[in-house]
Amino acid sequence: MMRTFYIQSTALLTFIFALAAFSADAPPPVPKGFNSETEMKTAALMGMLKVVDVKNVPIPKNVTEHLGIEYGNVDGRSLKLDLYVPQSTKPTPGILFIHGGSWSKGKRGDMKFYAVHFAKLGYAAATISYRLSGEAPFPAAAQDAKCAMRWMRSQAKTYNIDPNRIAVSGNSAGGHLSLMLGYSSDDQSLEGDGGHAKFSSKPQAVIDFYGPVDLTGEDAVDNGFVHKFMGGTIDDVRGNYTKASPISHLTKDDPPTLIFHGTVDSLVNIRHADHLDKQLQALGIEHEYERYEGWGHTMDLAADVNKRCVYIMEKFLAKHL
């Protein structure tokens, strides 16, 4: 009887420890969402929704910060990035982060939170500035982002980066530009002449946070931010609206893609992510789609949403880089 009790107790403890180990590695749940994006933002403003502190980001001891590095130059216009490099005795994978702001505002420091987090985990992480729509319309921003990717490969030895393991990640307009890097490498007109031409601008993996994928749809062609980014309406520069749509460049050899999008996003409709998901499936491109019910634009600023996003990003990058 004692032997039976011992065996049953051991089996129970084994199960409990196994369950605990599984739970520790399980992704944080998607928090309950809201009825609208306005409701989500109101909750944040009233302090009912904990948000991530993206302004105060300390630099860990194992990370070196390099600020204001010139990664390209277009007709005398200096293009700069901030780079966060981990201590490592062997080449590290890299990540290029691209900020959002409807292509018309925002700054590279907006992505410092993500860059520092992943540098701490062993990635060489850069966050870039690019020409905004008030300075130069499409394809300027896409060309700048591609130049930054080429720069990272050109500086592989200097900063101990593995040029064959570099991903790109962006939010909103930055998500759009990230998708352009991933899918439009076969269009030489989008490479620009910012420098480092002998290096590839194609990433090994793409992470898209609520970025627009089709600028020819009704919600895009009537949007003032899109008009400014494109340098005119679709009637003025119709061909460019297609060229600026990541979905139009998709081919079956494009890199693995991770998509984050909320169902009540009022700035970039969820149809963009749904459409991209279907096209990636049709082409057999490896991808993951994190579709969050009741969450809107900039949802990853919510602390509990961010926990899940970062966890999913870590697993995705570990797998593909």
C-alpha atoms as a PDB file:
ATOM      1  CA  MET A   1       0.000   0.000   0.000  1.00  0.00           C
ATOM      2  CA  MET A   2       2.831   2.371   0.883  1.00  0.00           C
ATOM      3  CA  ARG A   3       4.484   1.564  -2.450  1.00  0.00           C
ATOM      4  CA  THR A   4       1.236   2.384  -4.292  1.00  0.00           C
ATOM      5  CA  PHE A   5       0.936   5.665  -2.382  1.00  0.00           C
ATOM      6  CA  TYR A   6       4.552   6.539  -3.194  1.00  0.00           C
ATOM      7  CA  ILE A   7       4.101   5.814  -6.891  1.00  0.00           C
ATOM      8  CA  GLN A   8       0.884   7.851  -7.062  1.00  0.00           C
ATOM      9  CA  SER A   9       2.472  10.734  -5.145  1.00  0.00           C
ATOM     10  CA  THR A  10       5.532  10.711  -7.407  1.00  0.00           C
ATOM     11  CA  ALA A  11       3.331  10.678 -10.491  1.00  0.00           C
ATOM     12  CA  LEU A  12       1.290  13.586  -9.119  1.00  0.00           C
ATOM     13  CA  LEU A  13       4.409  15.634  -8.333  1.00  0.00           C
ATOM     14  CA  THR A  14       5.837  14.897 -11.781  1.00  0.00           C
ATOM     15  CA  PHE A  15       2.600  16.119 -13.350  1.00  0.00           C
ATOM     16  CA  ILE A  16       2.581  19.281 -11.214  1.00  0.00           C
ATOM     17  CA  PHE A  17       6.200  20.121 -12.072  1.00  0.00           C
ATOM     18  CA  ALA A  18       5.551  19.466 -15.758  1.00  0.00           C
ATOM     19  CA  LEU A  19       2.460  21.675 -15.675  1.00  0.00           C
ATOM     20  CA  ALA A  20       4.407  24.427 -13.908  1.00  0.00           C
ATOM     21  CA  ALA A  21       7.181  24.243 -16.507  1.00  0.00           C
ATOM     22  CA  PHE A  22       4.628  24.400 -19.319  1.00  0.00           C
ATOM     23  CA  SER A  23       2.810  27.335 -17.710  1.00  0.00           C
ATOM     24  CA  ALA A  24       6.064  29.238 -17.225  1.00  0.00           C
ATOM     25  CA  ASP A  25       6.706  29.061 -20.949  1.00  0.00           C
ATOM     26  CA  ALA A  26       3.133  29.687 -22.046  1.00  0.00           C
ATOM     27  CA  PRO A  27       2.440  33.048 -23.727  1.00  0.00           C
ATOM     28  CA  PRO A  28       0.731  35.696 -21.598  1.00  0.00           C
ATOM     29  CA  PRO A  29      -2.974  35.791 -22.460  1.00  0.00           C
ATOM     30  CA  VAL A  30      -4.523  38.472 -24.655  1.00  0.00           C
ATOM     31  CA  PRO A  31      -6.225  40.847 -22.186  1.00  0.00           C
ATOM     32  CA  LYS A  32      -9.909  41.562 -22.551  1.00  0.00           C
ATOM     33  CA  GLY A  33     -10.399  44.295 -25.127  1.00  0.00           C
ATOM     34  CA  PHE A  34     -12.776  47.212 -25.566  1.00  0.00           C
ATOM     35  CA  ASN A  35     -15.832  48.063 -27.634  1.00  0.00           C
ATOM     36  CA  SER A  36     -13.948  50.759 -29.520  1.00  0.00           C
ATOM     37  CA  GLU A  37     -10.564  52.401 -29.849  1.00  0.00           C
ATOM     38  CA  THR A  38     -11.964  55.525 -28.192  1.00  0.00           C
ATOM     39  CA  GLU A  39     -12.911  53.454 -25.160  1.00  0.00           C
ATOM     40  CA  MET A  40      -9.405  51.970 -25.071  1.00  0.00           C
ATOM     41  CA  LYS A  41      -7.718  55.381 -25.219  1.00  0.00           C
ATOM     42  CA  THR A  42     -10.092  56.830 -22.619  1.00  0.00           C
ATOM     43  CA  ALA A  43      -9.192  54.022 -20.237  1.00  0.00           C
ATOM     44  CA  ALA A  44      -5.500  54.812 -20.738  1.00  0.00           C
ATOM     45  CA  LEU A  45      -5.998  58.545 -20.170  1.00  0.00           C
ATOM     46  CA  MET A  46      -7.991  57.919 -16.983  1.00  0.00           C
ATOM     47  CA  GLY A  47      -5.311  55.638 -15.600  1.00  0.00           C
ATOM     48  CA  MET A  48      -7.537  52.568 -15.811  1.00  0.00           C
ATOM     49  CA  LEU A  49      -5.175  50.929 -18.298  1.00  0.00           C
ATOM     50  CA  LYS A  50      -1.534  50.482 -17.369  1.00  0.00           C
ATOM     51  CA  VAL A  51       0.760  51.625 -20.176  1.00  0.00           C
ATOM     52  CA  VAL A  52       4.403  50.948 -20.967  1.00  0.00           C
ATOM     53  CA  ASP A  53       6.924  53.627 -20.021  1.00  0.00           C
ATOM     54  CA  VAL A  54       8.648  54.214 -23.356  1.00  0.00           C
ATOM     55  CA  LYS A  55      10.284  57.489 -22.312  1.00  0.00           C
ATOM     56  CA  ASN A  56      12.468  56.250 -19.473  1.00  0.00           C
ATOM     57  CA  VAL A  57      14.433  53.335 -20.887  1.00  0.00           C
ATOM     58  CA  PRO A  58      17.652  52.598 -18.976  1.00  0.00           C
ATOM     59  CA  ILE A  59      20.585  51.039 -20.833  1.00  0.00           C
ATOM     60  CA  PRO A  60      21.654  47.677 -19.326  1.00  0.00           C
ATOM     61  CA  LYS A  61      25.320  47.134 -18.446  1.00  0.00           C
ATOM     62  CA  ASN A  62      25.684  44.482 -21.140  1.00  0.00           C
ATOM     63  CA  VAL A  63      24.542  46.870 -23.899  1.00  0.00           C
ATOM     64  CA  THR A  64      26.490  49.676 -25.605  1.00  0.00           C
ATOM     65  CA  GLU A  65      24.494  52.605 -26.998  1.00  0.00           C
ATOM     66  CA  HIS A  66      25.682  54.367 -30.174  1.00  0.00           C
ATOM     67  CA  LEU A  67      23.633  57.495 -30.927  1.00  0.00           C
ATOM     68  CA  GLY A  68      23.285  59.435 -34.170  1.00  0.00           C
ATOM     69  CA  ILE A  69      25.229  57.198 -36.542  1.00  0.00           C
ATOM     70  CA  GLU A  70      24.938  58.192 -40.188  1.00  0.00           C
ATOM     71  CA  TYR A  71      23.679  55.188 -42.143  1.00  0.00           C
ATOM     72  CA  GLY A  72      23.122  56.950 -45.446  1.00  0.00           C
ATOM     73  CA  ASN A  73      23.268  60.239 -47.284  1.00  0.00           C
ATOM     74  CA  VAL A  74      20.935  61.459 -50.026  1.00  0.00           C
ATOM     75  CA  ASP A  75      22.067  64.617 -51.841  1.00  0.00           C
ATOM     76  CA  GLY A  76      23.742  65.901 -48.701  1.00  0.00           C
ATOM     77  CA  ARG A  77      20.850  64.897 -46.425  1.00  0.00           C
ATOM     78  CA  SER A  78      22.252  62.820 -43.558  1.00  0.00           C
ATOM     79  CA  LEU A  79      20.189  59.797 -42.486  1.00  0.00           C
ATOM     80  CA  LYS A  80      20.815  58.621 -38.928  1.00  0.00           C
ATOM     81  CA  LEU A  81      20.112  55.748 -36.568  1.00  0.00           C
ATOM     82  CA  ASP A  82      20.734  54.734 -32.974  1.00  0.00           C
ATOM     83  CA  LEU A  83      22.350  51.347 -32.416  1.00  0.00           C
ATOM     84  CA  TYR A  84      22.290  49.153 -29.320  1.00  0.00           C
ATOM     85  CA  VAL A  85      24.927  46.418 -29.298  1.00  0.00           C
ATOM     86  CA  PRO A  86      25.106  43.571 -26.765  1.00  0.00           C
ATOM     87  CA  GLN A  87      28.331  42.214 -25.349  1.00  0.00           C
ATOM     88  CA  SER A  88      29.158  39.071 -27.294  1.00  0.00           C
ATOM     89  CA  THR A  89      32.185  37.070 -28.377  1.00  0.00           C
ATOM     90  CA  LYS A  90      30.489  35.898 -31.565  1.00  0.00           C
ATOM     91  CA  PRO A  91      28.384  37.614 -34.270  1.00  0.00           C
ATOM     92  CA  THR A  92      24.883  38.445 -33.081  1.00  0.00           C
ATOM     93  CA  PRO A  93      21.620  38.576 -35.021  1.00  0.00           C
ATOM     94  CA  GLY A  94      20.291  42.039 -35.792  1.00  0.00           C
ATOM     95  CA  ILE A  95      16.933  43.850 -35.766  1.00  0.00           C
ATOM     96  CA  LEU A  96      16.030  47.079 -37.511  1.00  0.00           C
ATOM     97  CA  PHE A  97      13.167  48.976 -35.816  1.00  0.00           C
ATOM     98  CA  ILE A  98      11.098  51.548 -37.750  1.00  0.00           C
ATOM     99  CA  HIS A  99       8.876  54.071 -35.973  1.00  0.00           C
ATOM    100  CA  GLY A 100       5.348  55.025 -36.971  1.00  0.00           C
ATOM    101  CA  GLY A 101       3.528  58.342 -37.217  1.00  0.00           C
ATOM    102  CA  SER A 102       1.523  58.187 -40.464  1.00  0.00           C
ATOM    103  CA  TRP A 103       4.816  58.724 -42.360  1.00  0.00           C
ATOM    104  CA  SER A 104       4.578  62.402 -41.340  1.00  0.00           C
ATOM    105  CA  LYS A 105       5.844  62.497 -37.749  1.00  0.00           C
ATOM    106  CA  GLY A 106       7.551  60.424 -35.078  1.00  0.00           C
ATOM    107  CA  LYS A 107      11.223  59.880 -34.269  1.00  0.00           C
ATOM    108  CA  ARG A 108      13.619  56.990 -33.979  1.00  0.00           C
ATOM    109  CA  GLY A 109      13.668  57.290 -30.189  1.00  0.00           C
ATOM    110  CA  ASP A 110      10.036  56.132 -30.178  1.00  0.00           C
ATOM    111  CA  MET A 111      11.341  52.590 -30.728  1.00  0.00           C
ATOM    112  CA  LYS A 112      14.066  52.690 -28.082  1.00  0.00           C
ATOM    113  CA  PHE A 113      11.997  50.515 -25.729  1.00  0.00           C
ATOM    114  CA  TYR A 114      12.007  47.629 -28.190  1.00  0.00           C
ATOM    115  CA  ALA A 115      15.599  48.169 -29.312  1.00  0.00           C
ATOM    116  CA  VAL A 116      16.997  48.095 -25.779  1.00  0.00           C
ATOM    117  CA  HIS A 117      14.898  45.088 -24.792  1.00  0.00           C
ATOM    118  CA  PHE A 118      16.165  42.972 -27.659  1.00  0.00           C
ATOM    119  CA  ALA A 119      19.737  44.216 -27.339  1.00  0.00           C
ATOM    120  CA  LYS A 120      19.614  42.966 -23.753  1.00  0.00           C
ATOM    121  CA  LEU A 121      18.625  39.561 -25.136  1.00  0.00           C
ATOM    122  CA  GLY A 122      21.606  39.451 -27.504  1.00  0.00           C
ATOM    123  CA  TYR A 123      20.452  41.212 -30.676  1.00  0.00           C
ATOM    124  CA  ALA A 124      22.186  44.182 -32.299  1.00  0.00           C
ATOM    125  CA  ALA A 125      19.198  46.521 -32.501  1.00  0.00           C
ATOM    126  CA  ALA A 126      18.936  49.740 -34.506  1.00  0.00           C
ATOM    127  CA  THR A 127      16.140  52.278 -34.616  1.00  0.00           C
ATOM    128  CA  ILE A 128      16.154  54.624 -37.599  1.00  0.00           C
ATOM    129  CA  SER A 129      15.068  58.063 -38.717  1.00  0.00           C
ATOM    130  CA  TYR A 130      13.835  58.422 -42.294  1.00  0.00           C
ATOM    131  CA  ARG A 131      12.601  61.218 -44.522  1.00  0.00           C
ATOM    132  CA  LEU A 132       9.029  62.054 -43.530  1.00  0.00           C
ATOM    133  CA  SER A 133       6.293  62.911 -46.010  1.00  0.00           C
ATOM    134  CA  GLY A 134       6.592  66.640 -45.356  1.00  0.00           C
ATOM    135  CA  GLU A 135      10.139  66.495 -46.678  1.00  0.00           C
ATOM    136  CA  ALA A 136       9.887  63.932 -49.459  1.00  0.00           C
ATOM    137  CA  PRO A 137       7.004  61.727 -50.653  1.00  0.00           C
ATOM    138  CA  PHE A 138       7.142  58.043 -51.567  1.00  0.00           C
ATOM    139  CA  PRO A 139       9.424  56.267 -52.292  1.00  0.00           C
ATOM    140  CA  ALA A 140      11.817  58.272 -50.060  1.00  0.00           C
ATOM    141  CA  ALA A 141      10.917  56.605 -46.744  1.00  0.00           C
ATOM    142  CA  ALA A 142      11.047  53.107 -48.237  1.00  0.00           C
ATOM    143  CA  GLN A 143      14.399  53.843 -49.859  1.00  0.00           C
ATOM    144  CA  ASP A 144      15.793  55.150 -46.568  1.00  0.00           C
ATOM    145  CA  ALA A 145      14.663  52.043 -44.677  1.00  0.00           C
ATOM    146  CA  LYS A 146      16.273  49.814 -47.297  1.00  0.00           C
ATOM    147  CA  CYS A 147      19.474  51.842 -47.036  1.00  0.00           C
ATOM    148  CA  ALA A 148      19.501  51.271 -43.264  1.00  0.00           C
ATOM    149  CA  MET A 149      19.241  47.522 -43.783  1.00  0.00           C
ATOM    150  CA  ARG A 150      22.115  47.630 -46.271  1.00  0.00           C
ATOM    151  CA  TRP A 151      24.142  49.689 -43.775  1.00  0.00           C
ATOM    152  CA  MET A 152      23.682  47.038 -41.067  1.00  0.00           C
ATOM    153  CA  ARG A 153      25.134  44.431 -43.389  1.00  0.00           C
ATOM    154  CA  SER A 154      27.964  46.724 -44.454  1.00  0.00           C
ATOM    155  CA  GLN A 155      28.910  47.230 -40.785  1.00  0.00           C
ATOM    156  CA  ALA A 156      28.655  43.578 -39.784  1.00  0.00           C
ATOM    157  CA  LYS A 157      32.333  43.283 -38.807  1.00  0.00           C
ATOM    158  CA  THR A 158      32.464  46.659 -37.071  1.00  0.00           C
ATOM    159  CA  TYR A 159      29.553  45.894 -34.737  1.00  0.00           C
ATOM    160  CA  ASN A 160      29.794  42.084 -34.636  1.00  0.00           C
ATOM    161  CA  ILE A 161      26.504  41.515 -36.513  1.00  0.00           C
ATOM    162  CA  ASP A 162      25.667  38.371 -38.448  1.00  0.00           C
ATOM    163  CA  PRO A 163      24.619  39.755 -41.895  1.00  0.00           C
ATOM    164  CA  ASN A 164      22.601  36.616 -42.623  1.00  0.00           C
ATOM    165  CA  ARG A 165      20.399  36.983 -39.552  1.00  0.00           C
ATOM    166  CA  ILE A 166      18.718  40.404 -39.605  1.00  0.00           C
ATOM    167  CA  ALA A 167      15.012  41.084 -39.081  1.00  0.00           C
ATOM    168  CA  VAL A 168      12.929  44.238 -39.429  1.00  0.00           C
ATOM    169  CA  SER A 169      10.103  45.359 -37.158  1.00  0.00           C
ATOM    170  CA  GLY A 170       7.876  48.418 -37.325  1.00  0.00           C
ATOM    171  CA  ASN A 171       4.671  49.943 -35.993  1.00  0.00           C
ATOM    172  CA  SER A 172       1.922  51.523 -38.109  1.00  0.00           C
ATOM    173  CA  ALA A 173       3.734  53.449 -40.895  1.00  0.00           C
ATOM    174  CA  GLY A 174       6.839  51.642 -39.665  1.00  0.00           C
ATOM    175  CA  GLY A 175       4.982  48.358 -40.074  1.00  0.00           C
ATOM    176  CA  HIS A 176       4.209  49.314 -43.666  1.00  0.00           C
ATOM    177  CA  LEU A 177       7.876  50.123 -44.320  1.00  0.00           C
ATOM    178  CA  SER A 178       8.950  46.865 -42.681  1.00  0.00           C
ATOM    179  CA  LEU A 179       6.673  44.935 -45.024  1.00  0.00           C
ATOM    180  CA  MET A 180       8.092  46.877 -47.973  1.00  0.00           C
ATOM    181  CA  LEU A 181      11.592  45.783 -46.966  1.00  0.00           C
ATOM    182  CA  GLY A 182      10.461  42.208 -46.707  1.00  0.00           C
ATOM    183  CA  TYR A 183       8.539  41.955 -49.959  1.00  0.00           C
ATOM    184  CA  SER A 184       9.872  44.470 -52.513  1.00  0.00           C
ATOM    185  CA  SER A 185      13.524  43.464 -52.797  1.00  0.00           C
ATOM    186  CA  ASP A 186      12.996  42.587 -56.469  1.00  0.00           C
ATOM    187  CA  ASP A 187      12.095  46.216 -57.333  1.00  0.00           C
ATOM    188  CA  GLN A 188      15.386  48.069 -57.857  1.00  0.00           C
ATOM    189  CA  SER A 189      13.618  51.423 -58.209  1.00  0.00           C
ATOM    190  CA  LEU A 190      12.863  51.277 -54.483  1.00  0.00           C
ATOM    191  CA  GLU A 191      16.493  50.827 -53.401  1.00  0.00           C
ATOM    192  CA  GLY A 192      17.453  54.479 -53.742  1.00  0.00           C
ATOM    193  CA  ASP A 193      20.987  55.858 -53.757  1.00  0.00           C
ATOM    194  CA  GLY A 194      21.679  56.458 -50.071  1.00  0.00           C
ATOM    195  CA  GLY A 195      24.703  54.165 -50.088  1.00  0.00           C
ATOM    196  CA  HIS A 196      25.990  50.590 -49.559  1.00  0.00           C
ATOM    197  CA  ALA A 197      24.579  49.447 -52.885  1.00  0.00           C
ATOM    198  CA  LYS A 198      26.449  46.139 -52.990  1.00  0.00           C
ATOM    199  CA  PHE A 199      24.577  44.815 -49.942  1.00  0.00           C
ATOM    200  CA  SER A 200      21.082  43.314 -49.856  1.00  0.00           C
ATOM    201  CA  SER A 201      18.186  45.178 -48.241  1.00  0.00           C
ATOM    202  CA  LYS A 202      16.065  42.045 -47.761  1.00  0.00           C
ATOM    203  CA  PRO A 203      15.533  40.943 -44.142  1.00  0.00           C
ATOM    204  CA  GLN A 204      15.396  37.328 -42.962  1.00  0.00           C
ATOM    205  CA  ALA A 205      12.168  37.974 -41.041  1.00  0.00           C
ATOM    206  CA  VAL A 206       9.482  40.684 -40.786  1.00  0.00           C
ATOM    207  CA  ILE A 207       7.400  41.887 -37.839  1.00  0.00           C
ATOM    208  CA  ASP A 208       4.439  44.109 -38.651  1.00  0.00           C
ATOM    209  CA  PHE A 209       2.477  45.981 -35.991  1.00  0.00           C
ATOM    210  CA  TYR A 210      -0.817  47.227 -37.502  1.00  0.00           C
ATOM    211  CA  GLY A 211       0.735  48.481 -40.739  1.00  0.00           C
ATOM    212  CA  PRO A 212      -1.298  49.221 -43.894  1.00  0.00           C
ATOM    213  CA  VAL A 213      -0.691  46.651 -46.616  1.00  0.00           C
ATOM    214  CA  ASP A 214      -2.869  47.915 -49.485  1.00  0.00           C
ATOM    215  CA  LEU A 215      -2.909  51.634 -50.316  1.00  0.00           C
ATOM    216  CA  THR A 216      -5.314  51.153 -53.220  1.00  0.00           C
ATOM    217  CA  GLY A 217      -8.278  50.319 -50.963  1.00  0.00           C
ATOM    218  CA  GLU A 218     -11.076  52.780 -50.242  1.00  0.00           C
ATOM    219  CA  ASP A 219      -9.970  53.526 -46.681  1.00  0.00           C
ATOM    220  CA  ALA A 220      -6.472  54.423 -47.926  1.00  0.00           C
ATOM    221  CA  VAL A 221      -7.188  56.390 -51.103  1.00  0.00           C
ATOM    222  CA  ASP A 222      -9.426  58.782 -49.144  1.00  0.00           C
ATOM    223  CA  ASN A 223      -6.909  59.293 -46.329  1.00  0.00           C
ATOM    224  CA  GLY A 224      -5.081  62.627 -46.099  1.00  0.00           C
ATOM    225  CA  PHE A 225      -1.974  61.072 -44.532  1.00  0.00           C
ATOM    226  CA  VAL A 226      -1.746  58.669 -47.473  1.00  0.00           C
ATOM    227  CA  HIS A 227      -2.145  61.551 -49.964  1.00  0.00           C
ATOM    228  CA  LYS A 228       0.729  63.395 -48.283  1.00  0.00           C
ATOM    229  CA  PHE A 229       2.897  60.277 -48.194  1.00  0.00           C
ATOM    230  CA  MET A 230       2.214  59.518 -51.836  1.00  0.00           C
ATOM    231  CA  GLY A 231       2.594  63.107 -53.036  1.00  0.00           C
ATOM    232  CA  GLY A 232      -0.903  63.220 -54.484  1.00  0.00           C
ATOM    233  CA  THR A 233      -4.195  61.379 -54.761  1.00  0.00           C
ATOM    234  CA  ILE A 234      -4.561  58.041 -56.491  1.00  0.00           C
ATOM    235  CA  ASP A 235      -5.778  59.893 -59.586  1.00  0.00           C
ATOM    236  CA  ASP A 236      -2.517  61.851 -59.614  1.00  0.00           C
ATOM    237  CA  VAL A 237      -0.061  58.977 -59.096  1.00  0.00           C
ATOM    238  CA  ARG A 238      -2.096  55.785 -59.506  1.00  0.00           C
ATOM    239  CA  GLY A 239       0.836  53.509 -60.325  1.00  0.00           C
ATOM    240  CA  ASN A 240       2.702  54.549 -57.205  1.00  0.00           C
ATOM    241  CA  TYR A 241      -0.223  53.576 -54.967  1.00  0.00           C
ATOM    242  CA  THR A 242       0.179  50.014 -56.178  1.00  0.00           C
ATOM    243  CA  LYS A 243       3.963  50.133 -55.902  1.00  0.00           C
ATOM    244  CA  ALA A 244       3.661  51.453 -52.328  1.00  0.00           C
ATOM    245  CA  SER A 245       1.368  48.564 -51.329  1.00  0.00           C
ATOM    246  CA  PRO A 246       3.364  45.710 -49.757  1.00  0.00           C
ATOM    247  CA  ILE A 247       0.690  43.214 -50.777  1.00  0.00           C
ATOM    248  CA  SER A 248       1.410  43.908 -54.467  1.00  0.00           C
ATOM    249  CA  HIS A 249       5.024  42.730 -54.085  1.00  0.00           C
ATOM    250  CA  LEU A 250       4.357  39.398 -52.370  1.00  0.00           C
ATOM    251  CA  THR A 251       6.020  36.332 -53.866  1.00  0.00           C
ATOM    252  CA  LYS A 252       6.393  32.856 -52.411  1.00  0.00           C
ATOM    253  CA  ASP A 253      10.087  33.370 -51.589  1.00  0.00           C
ATOM    254  CA  ASP A 254       9.413  36.273 -49.186  1.00  0.00           C
ATOM    255  CA  PRO A 255      10.540  36.017 -45.544  1.00  0.00           C
ATOM    256  CA  PRO A 256       8.583  34.688 -42.547  1.00  0.00           C
ATOM    257  CA  THR A 257       6.201  37.312 -41.206  1.00  0.00           C
ATOM    258  CA  LEU A 258       4.665  38.050 -37.811  1.00  0.00           C
ATOM    259  CA  ILE A 259       1.540  40.238 -37.778  1.00  0.00           C
ATOM    260  CA  PHE A 260      -0.011  42.081 -34.821  1.00  0.00           C
ATOM    261  CA  HIS A 261      -3.329  43.880 -35.285  1.00  0.00           C
ATOM    262  CA  GLY A 262      -6.393  44.806 -33.227  1.00  0.00           C
ATOM    263  CA  THR A 263      -9.978  44.393 -34.407  1.00  0.00           C
ATOM    264  CA  VAL A 264     -11.126  47.905 -33.388  1.00  0.00           C
ATOM    265  CA  ASP A 265      -8.203  49.769 -34.990  1.00  0.00           C
ATOM    266  CA  SER A 266      -9.752  52.986 -36.311  1.00  0.00           C
ATOM    267  CA  LEU A 267      -6.645  54.235 -38.139  1.00  0.00           C
ATOM    268  CA  VAL A 268      -5.590  51.093 -40.027  1.00  0.00           C
ATOM    269  CA  ASN A 269      -8.567  48.799 -40.490  1.00  0.00           C
ATOM    270  CA  ILE A 270      -8.187  45.161 -39.492  1.00  0.00           C
ATOM    271  CA  ARG A 271      -8.962  44.235 -43.114  1.00  0.00           C
ATOM    272  CA  HIS A 272      -5.318  45.006 -43.947  1.00  0.00           C
ATOM    273  CA  ALA A 273      -4.001  42.305 -41.621  1.00  0.00           C
ATOM    274  CA  ASP A 274      -6.752  39.874 -42.620  1.00  0.00           C
ATOM    275  CA  HIS A 275      -5.913  40.373 -46.289  1.00  0.00           C
ATOM    276  CA  LEU A 276      -2.194  39.898 -45.667  1.00  0.00           C
ATOM    277  CA  ASP A 277      -2.850  36.739 -43.649  1.00  0.00           C
ATOM    278  CA  LYS A 278      -4.869  35.216 -46.512  1.00  0.00           C
ATOM    279  CA  GLN A 279      -2.241  36.085 -49.117  1.00  0.00           C
ATOM    280  CA  LEU A 280       0.574  34.653 -47.026  1.00  0.00           C
ATOM    281  CA  GLN A 281      -1.431  31.473 -46.579  1.00  0.00           C
ATOM    282  CA  ALA A 282      -2.132  31.238 -50.310  1.00  0.00           C
ATOM    283  CA  LEU A 283       1.573  31.565 -51.142  1.00  0.00           C
ATOM    284  CA  GLY A 284       2.688  29.168 -48.440  1.00  0.00           C
ATOM    285  CA  ILE A 285       4.822  31.782 -46.671  1.00  0.00           C
ATOM    286  CA  GLU A 286       5.481  30.908 -43.042  1.00  0.00           C
ATOM    287  CA  HIS A 287       3.765  33.416 -40.805  1.00  0.00           C
ATOM    288  CA  GLU A 288       1.958  34.043 -37.532  1.00  0.00           C
ATOM    289  CA  TYR A 289      -1.074  36.264 -37.073  1.00  0.00           C
ATOM    290  CA  GLU A 290      -1.797  37.767 -33.643  1.00  0.00           C
ATOM    291  CA  ARG A 291      -5.338  39.137 -34.059  1.00  0.00           C
ATOM    292  CA  TYR A 292      -6.451  40.857 -30.839  1.00  0.00           C
ATOM    293  CA  GLU A 293     -10.172  41.233 -30.257  1.00  0.00           C
ATOM    294  CA  GLY A 294     -11.220  44.645 -28.942  1.00  0.00           C
ATOM    295  CA  TRP A 295      -7.831  46.330 -29.245  1.00  0.00           C
ATOM    296  CA  GLY A 296      -7.007  49.360 -31.375  1.00  0.00           C
ATOM    297  CA  HIS A 297      -4.089  51.240 -32.862  1.00  0.00           C
ATOM    298  CA  THR A 298      -0.971  51.478 -30.639  1.00  0.00           C
ATOM    299  CA  MET A 299      -2.408  48.599 -28.582  1.00  0.00           C
ATOM    300  CA  ASP A 300       1.097  47.446 -27.659  1.00  0.00           C
ATOM    301  CA  LEU A 301       1.479  50.496 -25.407  1.00  0.00           C
ATOM    302  CA  ALA A 302      -0.901  48.723 -23.013  1.00  0.00           C
ATOM    303  CA  ALA A 303       1.394  46.899 -20.575  1.00  0.00           C
ATOM    304  CA  ASP A 304      -0.454  43.567 -20.597  1.00  0.00           C
ATOM    305  CA  VAL A 305      -0.767  43.541 -24.382  1.00  0.00           C
ATOM    306  CA  ASN A 306       2.902  44.430 -24.647  1.00  0.00           C
ATOM    307  CA  LYS A 307       3.881  41.457 -22.476  1.00  0.00           C
ATOM    308  CA  ARG A 308       2.267  39.080 -24.926  1.00  0.00           C
ATOM    309  CA  CYS A 309       3.615  40.913 -27.989  1.00  0.00           C
ATOM    310  CA  VAL A 310       7.189  40.824 -26.683  1.00  0.00           C
ATOM    311  CA  TYR A 311       6.886  37.145 -25.768  1.00  0.00           C
ATOM    312  CA  ILE A 312       5.610  36.277 -29.263  1.00  0.00           C
ATOM    313  CA  MET A 313       8.336  38.424 -30.859  1.00  0.00           C
ATOM    314  CA  GLU A 314      11.035  36.667 -28.825  1.00  0.00           C
ATOM    315  CA  LYS A 315       9.841  33.219 -29.897  1.00  0.00           C
ATOM    316  CA  PHE A 316       9.436  34.268 -33.528  1.00  0.00           C
ATOM    317  CA  LEU A 317      12.911  35.807 -33.733  1.00  0.00           C
ATOM    318  CA  ALA A 318      14.545  32.899 -31.924  1.00  0.00           C
ATOM    319  CA  LYS A 319      13.012  30.570 -34.477  1.00  0.00           C
ATOM    320  CA  HIS A 320      13.863  32.517 -37.617  1.00  0.00           C
ATOM    321  CA  LEU A 321      17.177  34.173 -36.713  1.00  0.00           C
END
